[in-house]
Protein backbone atom coordinates (compact mmCIF):
# COMPACT_ATOMS: atom_id res chain seq x y z
CA UNK A 1 19.40 20.15 10.60
CA UNK A 2 15.49 21.20 10.19
CA UNK A 3 12.88 19.25 11.93
CA UNK A 4 11.23 17.19 9.49
CA UNK A 5 7.69 15.71 9.33
CA UNK A 6 6.95 12.76 7.10
CA UNK A 7 3.67 11.44 6.55
CA UNK A 8 2.47 8.30 4.69
CA UNK A 9 -1.28 8.20 4.43
CA UNK A 10 -3.84 5.67 3.20
CA UNK A 11 -7.73 5.91 3.19
CA UNK A 12 -7.93 4.36 6.67
CA UNK A 13 -4.90 5.75 8.78
CA UNK A 14 -1.91 8.08 8.30
CA UNK A 15 1.44 7.65 10.02
CA UNK A 16 3.37 10.76 10.72
CA UNK A 17 6.99 10.63 11.79
CA UNK A 18 9.11 13.50 13.29
CA UNK A 19 12.77 13.53 12.44
CA UNK A 20 14.72 15.78 14.52
CA UNK A 21 18.44 16.23 13.70
CA UNK A 22 18.19 13.15 11.49
CA UNK A 23 16.59 10.99 14.28
CA UNK A 24 13.27 9.60 14.79
CA UNK A 25 11.73 11.84 17.51
CA UNK A 26 8.04 10.86 17.46
CA UNK A 27 5.43 8.86 15.71
CA UNK A 28 2.00 9.99 15.47
CA UNK A 29 -1.23 7.89 14.22
CA UNK A 30 -4.22 9.98 12.69
CA UNK A 31 -7.16 9.17 10.68
CA UNK A 32 -6.41 8.48 6.92
CA UNK A 33 -6.49 11.41 4.63
CA UNK A 34 -7.75 10.85 1.10
CA UNK A 35 -9.03 14.06 -0.69
CA UNK A 36 -11.38 11.94 -2.64
CA UNK A 37 -13.36 11.40 0.64
CA UNK A 38 -12.52 14.62 2.56
CA UNK A 39 -12.80 18.36 1.61
CA UNK A 40 -9.87 20.47 2.44
CA UNK A 41 -12.00 22.05 5.25
CA UNK A 42 -12.50 18.41 6.66
CA UNK A 43 -8.85 17.59 6.42
CA UNK A 44 -7.84 20.86 8.15
CA UNK A 45 -10.18 20.25 11.03
CA UNK A 46 -9.10 16.73 11.51
CA UNK A 47 -5.28 17.57 11.42
CA UNK A 48 -5.93 20.77 13.99
CA UNK A 49 -7.69 18.09 16.37
CA UNK A 50 -5.49 14.89 15.82
CA UNK A 51 -2.03 16.11 14.96
CA UNK A 52 -1.07 19.64 15.80
CA UNK A 53 -1.50 19.20 19.67
CA UNK A 54 1.02 16.46 19.79
CA UNK A 55 3.70 18.78 17.83
CA UNK A 56 3.60 21.53 20.16
CA UNK A 57 7.15 21.14 21.26
CA UNK A 58 8.40 20.95 17.68
CA UNK A 59 9.38 23.65 14.99
CA UNK A 60 8.47 21.98 11.84
CA UNK A 61 10.50 23.55 8.88
CA UNK A 62 9.89 20.69 6.20
CA UNK A 63 6.95 18.40 5.65
CA UNK A 64 6.78 15.47 3.10
CA UNK A 65 3.50 14.21 2.64
CA UNK A 66 2.77 10.97 0.60
CA UNK A 67 -0.72 9.47 0.45
CA UNK A 68 -3.60 7.97 -1.63
CA UNK A 69 -5.29 9.69 -4.41
CA UNK A 70 -2.54 12.13 -5.08
CA UNK A 71 -1.74 11.36 -8.54
CA UNK A 72 -4.54 13.75 -9.01
CA UNK A 73 -3.00 17.33 -9.54
CA UNK A 74 -6.30 18.92 -7.87
CA UNK A 75 -5.94 16.66 -4.99
CA UNK A 76 -2.35 17.61 -4.53
CA UNK A 77 -3.27 21.31 -4.58
CA UNK A 78 -5.85 20.75 -1.80
CA UNK A 79 -3.52 18.70 0.58
CA UNK A 80 -0.66 21.21 0.17
CA UNK A 81 -2.87 24.36 1.01
CA UNK A 82 -3.92 22.54 4.38
CA UNK A 83 -0.43 22.10 5.26
CA UNK A 84 0.58 25.29 4.25
CA UNK A 85 -2.03 26.59 6.80
CA UNK A 86 -0.70 24.28 9.44
CA UNK A 87 2.87 24.65 8.86
CA UNK A 88 3.07 28.28 7.59
CA UNK A 89 6.84 29.00 6.37
CA UNK A 90 7.57 25.42 6.09
CA UNK A 91 8.89 23.69 3.04
CA UNK A 92 6.13 21.53 1.66
CA UNK A 93 6.23 18.61 -0.50
CA UNK A 94 3.10 16.48 -1.41
CA UNK A 95 3.67 12.99 -3.73
CA UNK A 96 1.74 9.85 -4.18
CA UNK A 97 2.07 6.58 -2.75
CA UNK A 98 3.85 4.92 -5.14
CA UNK A 99 6.64 7.50 -5.13
CA UNK A 100 6.59 6.77 -1.46
CA UNK A 101 7.17 3.35 -2.10
CA UNK A 102 9.89 3.79 -4.66
CA UNK A 103 11.78 6.28 -2.33
CA UNK A 104 11.42 3.78 0.59
CA UNK A 105 12.34 0.73 -1.50
CA UNK A 106 14.88 1.94 -3.76
CA UNK A 107 16.43 5.07 -1.86
CA UNK A 108 18.63 6.91 -4.26
CA UNK A 109 19.19 3.82 -6.57
CA UNK A 110 17.24 2.37 -9.39
CA UNK A 111 14.80 -0.35 -9.20
CA UNK A 112 11.37 -1.71 -9.86
CA UNK A 113 9.03 -0.77 -6.86
CA UNK A 114 5.81 -2.75 -6.31
CA UNK A 115 2.95 -1.85 -4.00
CA UNK A 116 1.07 -5.14 -3.13
CA UNK A 117 -1.42 -4.17 -0.17
CA UNK A 118 -5.20 -3.78 -0.31
CA UNK A 119 -4.59 -2.73 -4.03
CA UNK A 120 -1.45 -3.10 -6.27
CA UNK A 121 0.80 -0.89 -8.41
CA UNK A 122 4.40 -0.68 -9.58
CA UNK A 123 6.92 1.56 -11.43
CA UNK A 124 10.27 1.79 -12.60
CA UNK A 125 12.32 4.27 -10.38
CA UNK A 126 15.53 5.75 -11.90
CA UNK A 127 16.94 7.08 -8.33
CA UNK A 128 15.38 10.43 -8.97
CA UNK A 129 11.88 9.97 -10.31
CA UNK A 130 9.54 7.17 -11.23
CA UNK A 131 9.84 6.94 -15.15
CA UNK A 132 7.56 3.62 -16.22
CA UNK A 133 4.44 2.77 -14.49
CA UNK A 134 2.16 -0.38 -15.20
CA UNK A 135 -1.15 0.89 -13.89
CA UNK A 136 -3.19 -0.98 -11.26
CA UNK A 137 -6.41 -0.35 -12.57
CA UNK A 138 -8.16 -0.95 -9.30
CA UNK A 139 -10.02 -3.97 -7.91
CA UNK A 140 -12.57 -4.42 -10.51
CA UNK A 141 -10.35 -4.48 -13.73
CA UNK A 142 -6.87 -5.43 -12.17
CA UNK A 143 -4.89 -5.06 -8.94
CA UNK A 144 -3.56 -8.48 -9.86
CA UNK A 145 -1.53 -9.82 -6.62
CA UNK A 146 -3.26 -7.46 -4.17
CA UNK A 147 -5.42 -8.16 -1.13
CA UNK A 148 -8.70 -7.65 -3.04
CA UNK A 149 -7.53 -9.67 -5.90
CA UNK A 150 -6.35 -12.72 -3.32
CA UNK A 151 -9.46 -12.13 -1.19
CA UNK A 152 -11.75 -12.43 -4.29
CA UNK A 153 -10.23 -15.74 -5.12
CA UNK A 154 -10.75 -16.88 -1.38
CA UNK A 155 -14.52 -16.18 -1.98
CA UNK A 156 -14.83 -17.54 -5.64
CA UNK A 157 -13.41 -20.78 -3.93
CA UNK A 158 -16.04 -20.93 -1.35
CA UNK A 159 -19.13 -19.50 -3.48
CA UNK A 160 -18.15 -22.12 -6.29
CA UNK A 161 -18.09 -24.78 -3.70
CA UNK A 162 -14.48 -25.71 -4.97
CA UNK A 163 -12.82 -26.16 -1.44
CA UNK A 164 -12.69 -29.48 0.19
CA UNK A 165 -14.85 -30.26 3.18
CA UNK A 166 -12.01 -29.21 5.82
CA UNK A 167 -11.38 -25.97 4.24
CA UNK A 168 -15.07 -25.15 3.51
CA UNK A 169 -15.76 -25.63 7.39
CA UNK A 170 -12.75 -23.52 8.27
CA UNK A 171 -13.95 -20.82 5.93
CA UNK A 172 -17.42 -20.88 7.57
CA UNK A 173 -16.06 -20.84 11.13
CA UNK A 174 -13.53 -18.12 10.64
CA UNK A 175 -16.03 -15.51 8.81
CA UNK A 176 -19.44 -16.60 9.87
CA UNK A 177 -21.22 -15.30 6.76
CA UNK A 178 -23.52 -16.31 4.09
CA UNK A 179 -23.29 -16.40 0.26
CA UNK A 180 -26.08 -13.72 0.27
CA UNK A 181 -24.28 -11.45 2.73
CA UNK A 182 -21.03 -11.68 0.89
CA UNK A 183 -22.86 -10.80 -2.56
CA UNK A 184 -24.63 -7.81 -0.66
CA UNK A 185 -21.24 -6.56 0.47
CA UNK A 186 -19.43 -6.78 -2.79
CA UNK A 187 -22.03 -5.20 -5.12
CA UNK A 188 -24.16 -3.15 -2.72
CA UNK A 189 -22.09 -1.68 -0.06
CA UNK A 190 -19.25 1.02 -0.23
CA UNK A 191 -15.52 0.06 -0.02
CA UNK A 192 -15.91 -3.15 -1.61
CA UNK A 193 -12.30 -3.39 -2.01
CA UNK A 194 -11.24 -3.28 1.64
CA UNK A 195 -14.02 -5.99 2.02
CA UNK A 196 -12.50 -8.36 -0.46
CA UNK A 197 -8.89 -7.90 0.96
CA UNK A 198 -10.29 -8.82 4.62
CA UNK A 199 -10.51 -12.48 3.25
CA UNK A 200 -6.95 -12.63 2.36
CA UNK A 201 -6.17 -13.37 6.06
CA UNK A 202 -7.71 -16.83 5.20
CA UNK A 203 -4.66 -17.42 2.95
CA UNK A 204 -2.19 -16.58 5.71
CA UNK A 205 -4.00 -18.72 8.42
CA UNK A 206 -3.87 -21.81 6.29
CA UNK A 207 -0.69 -22.26 4.56
CA UNK A 208 0.60 -25.54 3.54
CA UNK A 209 -2.94 -26.63 2.08
CA UNK A 210 -2.46 -27.14 -1.86
CA UNK A 211 -5.38 -25.11 -2.65
CA UNK A 212 -4.28 -22.15 -0.51
CA UNK A 213 -1.07 -22.28 -2.09
CA UNK A 214 -2.49 -22.25 -5.56
CA UNK A 215 -4.38 -19.26 -4.91
CA UNK A 216 -1.26 -17.22 -3.52
CA UNK A 217 1.18 -18.49 -6.17
CA UNK A 218 -1.60 -17.90 -9.00
CA UNK A 219 -2.47 -14.64 -7.95
CA UNK A 220 1.17 -13.18 -7.07
CA UNK A 221 2.15 -14.85 -10.54
CA UNK A 222 -0.68 -12.82 -12.36
CA UNK A 223 0.91 -9.63 -11.03
CA UNK A 224 4.50 -10.71 -12.43
CA UNK A 225 2.99 -11.85 -15.69
CA UNK A 226 0.79 -8.71 -16.08
CA UNK A 227 3.10 -6.01 -14.76
CA UNK A 228 6.68 -7.13 -14.04
CA UNK A 229 6.95 -8.38 -17.73
CA UNK A 230 6.30 -5.07 -18.91
CA UNK A 231 9.45 -3.45 -17.69
CA UNK A 232 12.50 -4.50 -19.48
CA UNK A 233 14.43 -3.23 -16.32
CA UNK A 234 12.96 -6.07 -14.38
CA UNK A 235 15.65 -8.35 -15.61
CA UNK A 236 18.57 -5.88 -14.98
CA UNK A 237 17.74 -4.42 -11.69
CA UNK A 238 16.16 -5.55 -8.38
CA UNK A 239 12.67 -5.75 -7.76
CA UNK A 240 11.37 -4.50 -4.55
CA UNK A 241 8.10 -4.74 -2.62
CA UNK A 242 5.94 -3.26 0.09
CA UNK A 243 2.72 -3.94 1.61
CA UNK A 244 1.22 -6.32 3.84
CA UNK A 245 0.56 -8.97 0.93
CA UNK A 246 4.18 -8.64 -0.19
CA UNK A 247 5.50 -9.05 3.36
CA UNK A 248 3.25 -11.79 4.44
CA UNK A 249 3.93 -14.09 1.28
CA UNK A 250 7.47 -12.90 0.64
CA UNK A 251 8.58 -16.59 0.53
CA UNK A 252 6.37 -17.17 -2.93
CA UNK A 253 7.83 -13.89 -4.17
CA UNK A 254 11.26 -14.91 -3.66
CA UNK A 255 10.32 -18.61 -5.47
CA UNK A 256 8.59 -16.61 -8.34
CA UNK A 257 11.85 -14.26 -8.76
CA UNK A 258 13.91 -17.52 -8.81
CA UNK A 259 11.57 -18.94 -11.47
CA UNK A 260 11.84 -15.99 -13.61
CA UNK A 261 15.57 -15.16 -13.12
CA UNK A 262 14.73 -11.93 -11.33
CA UNK A 263 16.85 -10.25 -8.45
CA UNK A 264 14.57 -9.58 -5.19
CA UNK A 265 15.24 -6.73 -3.42
CA UNK A 266 13.69 -5.28 -0.39
CA UNK A 267 10.49 -6.51 1.01
CA UNK A 268 8.78 -3.97 3.38
CA UNK A 269 5.57 -4.30 5.43
CA UNK A 270 5.12 -0.40 5.16
CA UNK A 271 7.28 2.28 3.69
CA UNK A 272 7.78 4.28 6.69
CA UNK A 273 11.08 2.97 7.76
CA UNK A 274 12.60 3.35 4.21
CA UNK A 275 11.12 6.93 3.95
CA UNK A 276 13.16 7.80 7.28
CA UNK A 277 16.21 6.62 5.78
CA UNK A 278 15.60 8.45 2.36
CA UNK A 279 14.91 11.76 4.16
CA UNK A 280 17.39 11.51 6.77
């Protein structure tokens, strides 16, 4: 069986897993690879420095790369050309992060696959390919249920002075920030989606308070209503989730699935384990 290399990349970090004879032989972490932020030459230089030295004892024959920004065909071409230079002669497949989620969650079966991490996305997977997609629209217009969406609610409650005195004090102690600083980070600095998502940790740390539970349930319910309701298949196939938000609040996902009479499938923190099973 050939040595296979699987990559799951976000904009911040990329996880690489070596499969040797179907078994996990090595895990490598490099910087994230987003063709929206890096040129082909920069990606090549990064991987020559951070990846290749750790693969010297492996003869890689197949590369499966999943990542952010790869719904754009031009970006796929950039990444594929880099991988061809790094692994000449190897079979190379480059796909977007939503297909990674679908393969990791559904395997070769049918189901609705959802990403709830910093951002949000979903699709219906027929066991071979994605056949329906309810777009996420990004953190400004959409991404219901995502870390950025929930983090935005956390900030709104603070800035609108909605929290009771206890939660307000906890927020100020936890984040050591000011309204002016928050607004500057959201409207004037880059990567506002990540900044917003960083406030979602406040929800996980304060479970049990009714305001916190309301934010979580309302935010995830918005994802169900805006996206899962668009798939007729939601009522006939399992609904799977991957991502830090989904994994952290899976009890709420379970309650919502029960309320809507939907079947909750797998809930994974990250797709790699599912991808290993798929490509094994």
